[in-house]
Protein backbone atom coordinates (compact mmCIF):
# COMPACT_ATOMS: atom_id res chain seq x y z
CA MET A 1 -0.04 0.01 -0.02
CA PRO A 2 1.49 3.57 -1.12
CA PRO A 3 2.30 5.86 1.87
CA TRP A 4 -0.31 8.40 0.57
CA GLN A 5 -3.01 5.54 0.93
CA LYS A 6 -2.10 4.66 4.37
CA ASP A 7 -2.20 8.25 5.39
CA ASN A 8 -5.74 8.55 3.91
CA PRO A 9 -7.53 5.34 4.26
CA SER A 10 -11.02 7.10 3.65
CA TYR A 11 -10.09 8.14 0.00
CA ASN A 12 -12.40 6.73 -2.50
CA GLN A 13 -12.09 6.06 -6.32
CA GLU A 14 -13.23 9.70 -7.02
CA ASP A 15 -10.64 11.28 -4.56
CA PHE A 16 -7.69 9.27 -6.17
CA ALA A 17 -8.87 10.51 -9.63
CA LYS A 18 -8.72 13.97 -8.60
CA LYS A 19 -5.56 13.64 -6.75
CA PHE A 20 -3.71 12.03 -9.87
CA ASP A 21 -5.95 13.99 -12.44
CA ILE A 22 -7.08 11.01 -14.14
CA SER A 23 -10.71 9.75 -14.65
CA LYS A 24 -12.44 7.64 -12.13
CA LEU A 25 -12.84 4.84 -14.84
CA GLN A 26 -9.07 4.67 -15.12
CA VAL A 27 -8.73 4.44 -11.27
CA CYS A 28 -11.15 1.40 -11.49
CA ASN A 29 -9.07 -0.24 -14.35
CA ILE A 30 -6.01 0.17 -12.65
CA LEU A 31 -7.32 -1.17 -9.30
CA LYS A 32 -8.78 -4.32 -11.10
CA GLU A 33 -5.32 -5.04 -12.51
CA LYS A 34 -3.60 -4.12 -9.29
CA GLU A 35 -1.69 -7.59 -9.03
CA LYS A 36 -0.28 -6.93 -12.76
CA TRP A 37 0.85 -3.72 -11.78
CA THR A 38 2.34 -4.29 -8.53
CA SER A 39 4.23 -7.40 -9.84
CA ILE A 40 6.44 -5.60 -12.34
CA ASP A 41 9.94 -5.47 -11.04
CA ILE A 42 10.97 -1.94 -11.78
CA SER A 43 14.58 -2.65 -10.76
CA ASN A 44 14.97 -4.58 -13.98
CA LYS A 45 16.95 -2.63 -16.44
CA LYS A 46 14.89 -3.96 -19.34
CA VAL A 47 11.65 -2.72 -18.01
CA LYS A 48 13.07 0.76 -17.17
CA ASN A 49 14.52 1.44 -20.82
CA GLN A 50 11.45 -0.17 -22.53
CA LYS A 51 9.77 1.96 -25.31
CA TRP A 52 6.20 1.09 -26.40
CA ASN A 53 6.05 0.73 -30.25
CA ARG A 54 2.41 1.11 -31.14
CA ASP A 55 1.09 1.12 -34.68
CA ALA A 56 -0.81 4.11 -35.89
CA LYS A 57 -4.41 3.65 -35.94
CA PHE A 58 -4.76 5.23 -39.27
CA SER A 59 -1.47 4.77 -40.94
CA GLU A 60 -2.25 5.70 -44.43
CA PHE A 61 -3.82 9.05 -43.07
CA GLU A 62 -0.65 9.71 -41.10
CA SER A 63 1.54 8.93 -43.80
CA ALA A 64 -0.52 11.64 -46.00
CA LEU A 65 -0.19 14.03 -43.20
CA TYR A 66 3.47 13.59 -43.01
CA LEU A 67 3.81 14.17 -46.80
């Protein structure tokens, strides 16, 4: 449990959303996958330097914009 959560046990999802400037739905989704997120070993150098490569949703459109 993070220190700020220990200090504020009465926080609800709406309070967390305001604190971190995210939507309540995002808080809910994060909490649903809590095990996944807490199991990540951040001391692993591979994870720290990982870059996400996502394909463009509309690649032809983005190529035209680029030109």
